[in-house]
């Protein structure tokens, strides 16, 4: 399987978002920025990893799938 650099860059970006969810990183910037940073910016991180993991899991499953004729 060929490595996709775009997905790797997104993984790095969203891994930072997962850390920020469990941290008070954005709260120190102020009330409004804390809300935007924690609840809007970083909430795409977990679904991203879920979707990407499922994509690669099923892609690998299809590789070993034997079709019946």
N, C-alpha and C. Protein backbone atom coordinates (compact mmCIF):
# COMPACT_ATOMS: atom_id res chain seq x y z
N UNK A 1 0.85 -1.17 0.00
CA UNK A 1 0.00 0.00 0.00
C UNK A 1 0.90 1.24 0.00
N UNK A 2 0.57 2.20 -0.83
CA UNK A 2 1.34 3.42 -0.95
C UNK A 2 0.94 4.38 0.18
N UNK A 3 1.93 4.97 0.79
CA UNK A 3 1.69 5.90 1.89
C UNK A 3 1.17 7.23 1.33
N UNK A 4 0.13 7.77 1.97
CA UNK A 4 -0.47 9.02 1.55
C UNK A 4 0.00 10.13 2.49
N UNK A 5 0.83 11.05 1.98
CA UNK A 5 1.38 12.12 2.82
C UNK A 5 0.33 13.10 3.27
N UNK A 6 -0.72 13.30 2.51
CA UNK A 6 -1.78 14.22 2.91
C UNK A 6 -2.48 13.72 4.16
N UNK A 7 -2.72 12.43 4.23
CA UNK A 7 -3.36 11.86 5.42
C UNK A 7 -2.42 11.96 6.61
N UNK A 8 -1.12 11.77 6.40
CA UNK A 8 -0.16 11.89 7.49
C UNK A 8 -0.12 13.31 8.06
N UNK A 9 -0.20 14.30 7.19
CA UNK A 9 -0.22 15.69 7.65
C UNK A 9 -1.50 15.97 8.44
N UNK A 10 -2.62 15.47 7.95
CA UNK A 10 -3.89 15.63 8.68
C UNK A 10 -3.85 14.91 10.02
N UNK A 11 -3.23 13.74 10.05
CA UNK A 11 -3.12 13.00 11.31
C UNK A 11 -2.32 13.80 12.33
N UNK A 12 -1.25 14.44 11.91
CA UNK A 12 -0.46 15.27 12.82
C UNK A 12 -1.29 16.44 13.35
N UNK A 13 -2.00 17.10 12.47
CA UNK A 13 -2.85 18.24 12.85
C UNK A 13 -3.94 17.81 13.83
N UNK A 14 -4.62 16.70 13.54
CA UNK A 14 -5.71 16.26 14.40
C UNK A 14 -5.23 15.58 15.67
N UNK A 15 -4.02 15.03 15.67
CA UNK A 15 -3.45 14.50 16.92
C UNK A 15 -3.24 15.64 17.91
N UNK A 16 -2.82 16.78 17.41
CA UNK A 16 -2.71 17.97 18.25
C UNK A 16 -4.09 18.37 18.79
N UNK A 17 -5.12 18.20 17.98
CA UNK A 17 -6.48 18.50 18.41
C UNK A 17 -6.96 17.57 19.51
N UNK A 18 -6.59 16.29 19.45
CA UNK A 18 -6.97 15.34 20.50
C UNK A 18 -6.31 15.73 21.81
N UNK A 19 -5.06 16.13 21.76
CA UNK A 19 -4.37 16.59 22.97
C UNK A 19 -5.05 17.83 23.51
N UNK A 20 -5.45 18.73 22.64
CA UNK A 20 -6.09 19.97 23.07
C UNK A 20 -7.46 19.73 23.70
N UNK A 21 -8.16 18.67 23.29
CA UNK A 21 -9.45 18.34 23.89
C UNK A 21 -9.27 18.01 25.37
N UNK A 22 -8.22 17.28 25.68
CA UNK A 22 -7.98 16.81 27.05
C UNK A 22 -7.11 17.77 27.84
N UNK A 23 -6.96 18.95 27.36
CA UNK A 23 -6.06 19.93 27.95
C UNK A 23 -6.79 21.26 28.05
N UNK A 24 -6.27 22.18 28.83
CA UNK A 24 -6.86 23.52 28.92
C UNK A 24 -6.07 24.52 28.09
N UNK A 25 -5.58 24.05 26.97
CA UNK A 25 -4.72 24.86 26.12
C UNK A 25 -5.42 26.13 25.61
N UNK A 26 -6.64 25.99 25.12
CA UNK A 26 -7.34 27.14 24.53
C UNK A 26 -8.07 27.98 25.57
N UNK A 27 -8.31 27.44 26.74
CA UNK A 27 -9.04 28.19 27.77
C UNK A 27 -8.23 29.38 28.24
N UNK A 28 -6.92 29.24 28.24
CA UNK A 28 -6.06 30.34 28.69
C UNK A 28 -6.06 31.53 27.73
N UNK A 29 -6.55 31.35 26.52
CA UNK A 29 -6.60 32.44 25.55
C UNK A 29 -7.77 33.38 25.79
N UNK A 30 -8.72 32.97 26.58
CA UNK A 30 -9.90 33.77 26.85
C UNK A 30 -11.15 32.92 26.70
N UNK A 31 -12.27 33.45 27.20
CA UNK A 31 -13.50 32.66 27.20
C UNK A 31 -13.98 32.32 25.79
N UNK A 32 -14.01 33.31 24.91
CA UNK A 32 -14.50 33.06 23.54
C UNK A 32 -13.55 32.17 22.76
N UNK A 33 -12.25 32.45 22.85
CA UNK A 33 -11.28 31.62 22.13
C UNK A 33 -11.22 30.22 22.71
N UNK A 34 -11.44 30.10 24.01
CA UNK A 34 -11.47 28.78 24.63
C UNK A 34 -12.62 27.95 24.09
N UNK A 35 -13.78 28.56 23.91
CA UNK A 35 -14.93 27.86 23.35
C UNK A 35 -14.67 27.46 21.90
N UNK A 36 -14.20 28.40 21.11
CA UNK A 36 -13.94 28.13 19.70
C UNK A 36 -12.87 27.06 19.56
N UNK A 37 -11.81 27.17 20.32
CA UNK A 37 -10.71 26.22 20.22
C UNK A 37 -11.08 24.83 20.69
N UNK A 38 -11.81 24.76 21.80
CA UNK A 38 -12.11 23.45 22.39
C UNK A 38 -13.31 22.79 21.75
N UNK A 39 -14.36 23.52 21.49
CA UNK A 39 -15.60 22.90 21.04
C UNK A 39 -15.81 22.92 19.53
N UNK A 40 -15.17 23.79 18.83
CA UNK A 40 -15.36 23.83 17.38
C UNK A 40 -14.14 23.30 16.62
N UNK A 41 -12.98 23.78 16.97
CA UNK A 41 -11.75 23.44 16.25
C UNK A 41 -11.33 21.99 16.48
N UNK A 42 -11.36 21.54 17.72
CA UNK A 42 -10.80 20.23 18.04
C UNK A 42 -11.81 19.10 17.97
N UNK A 43 -13.08 19.37 17.86
CA UNK A 43 -14.08 18.31 17.86
C UNK A 43 -14.12 17.50 16.57
N UNK A 44 -13.36 17.88 15.58
CA UNK A 44 -13.25 17.09 14.36
C UNK A 44 -12.17 16.03 14.46
N UNK A 45 -11.37 16.08 15.51
CA UNK A 45 -10.21 15.18 15.63
C UNK A 45 -10.61 13.72 15.82
N UNK A 46 -11.46 13.43 16.77
CA UNK A 46 -11.84 12.05 17.05
C UNK A 46 -12.61 11.43 15.87
N UNK A 47 -13.61 12.11 15.30
CA UNK A 47 -14.26 11.53 14.12
C UNK A 47 -13.30 11.31 12.95
N UNK A 48 -12.33 12.19 12.78
CA UNK A 48 -11.34 12.01 11.71
C UNK A 48 -10.60 10.70 11.89
N UNK A 49 -10.09 10.43 13.10
CA UNK A 49 -9.36 9.18 13.33
C UNK A 49 -10.27 7.97 13.19
N UNK A 50 -11.51 8.09 13.60
CA UNK A 50 -12.45 6.99 13.47
C UNK A 50 -12.69 6.65 12.00
N UNK A 51 -12.92 7.67 11.19
CA UNK A 51 -13.20 7.47 9.76
C UNK A 51 -11.96 6.95 9.02
N UNK A 52 -10.81 7.53 9.29
CA UNK A 52 -9.58 7.11 8.61
C UNK A 52 -9.23 5.68 9.00
N UNK A 53 -9.38 5.33 10.27
CA UNK A 53 -9.09 3.96 10.71
C UNK A 53 -10.03 2.97 10.03
N UNK A 54 -11.31 3.31 9.95
CA UNK A 54 -12.27 2.44 9.27
C UNK A 54 -11.97 2.30 7.79
N UNK A 55 -11.57 3.38 7.16
CA UNK A 55 -11.22 3.33 5.74
C UNK A 55 -10.08 2.36 5.48
N UNK A 56 -9.00 2.48 6.25
CA UNK A 56 -7.85 1.60 6.04
C UNK A 56 -8.14 0.17 6.47
N UNK A 57 -8.97 -0.01 7.49
CA UNK A 57 -9.34 -1.35 7.92
C UNK A 57 -10.09 -2.08 6.80
N UNK A 58 -11.12 -1.44 6.24
CA UNK A 58 -11.90 -2.08 5.19
C UNK A 58 -11.13 -2.18 3.88
N UNK A 59 -10.21 -1.27 3.65
CA UNK A 59 -9.37 -1.39 2.46
C UNK A 59 -8.48 -2.63 2.56
N UNK A 60 -7.95 -2.88 3.76
CA UNK A 60 -7.13 -4.07 3.95
C UNK A 60 -7.99 -5.33 3.91
N UNK A 61 -9.21 -5.27 4.45
CA UNK A 61 -10.12 -6.43 4.39
C UNK A 61 -10.47 -6.77 2.94
N UNK A 62 -10.71 -5.78 2.13
CA UNK A 62 -11.04 -6.02 0.72
C UNK A 62 -9.87 -6.60 -0.06
N UNK A 63 -8.67 -6.32 0.40
CA UNK A 63 -7.48 -6.86 -0.26
C UNK A 63 -7.44 -8.39 -0.14
N UNK A 64 -7.89 -8.91 1.00
CA UNK A 64 -7.86 -10.35 1.23
C UNK A 64 -9.20 -11.02 0.94
N UNK A 65 -10.16 -10.29 0.44
CA UNK A 65 -11.50 -10.82 0.17
C UNK A 65 -11.45 -11.73 -1.06
N UNK A 66 -12.02 -12.90 -0.91
CA UNK A 66 -12.12 -13.86 -2.03
C UNK A 66 -13.53 -13.79 -2.57
N UNK A 67 -13.69 -13.46 -3.82
CA UNK A 67 -15.00 -13.33 -4.43
C UNK A 67 -15.46 -14.68 -4.95
N UNK A 68 -16.72 -15.00 -4.68
CA UNK A 68 -17.32 -16.24 -5.19
C UNK A 68 -18.01 -15.97 -6.52
N UNK A 69 -17.80 -16.82 -7.48
CA UNK A 69 -18.44 -16.66 -8.79
C UNK A 69 -19.61 -17.60 -8.90
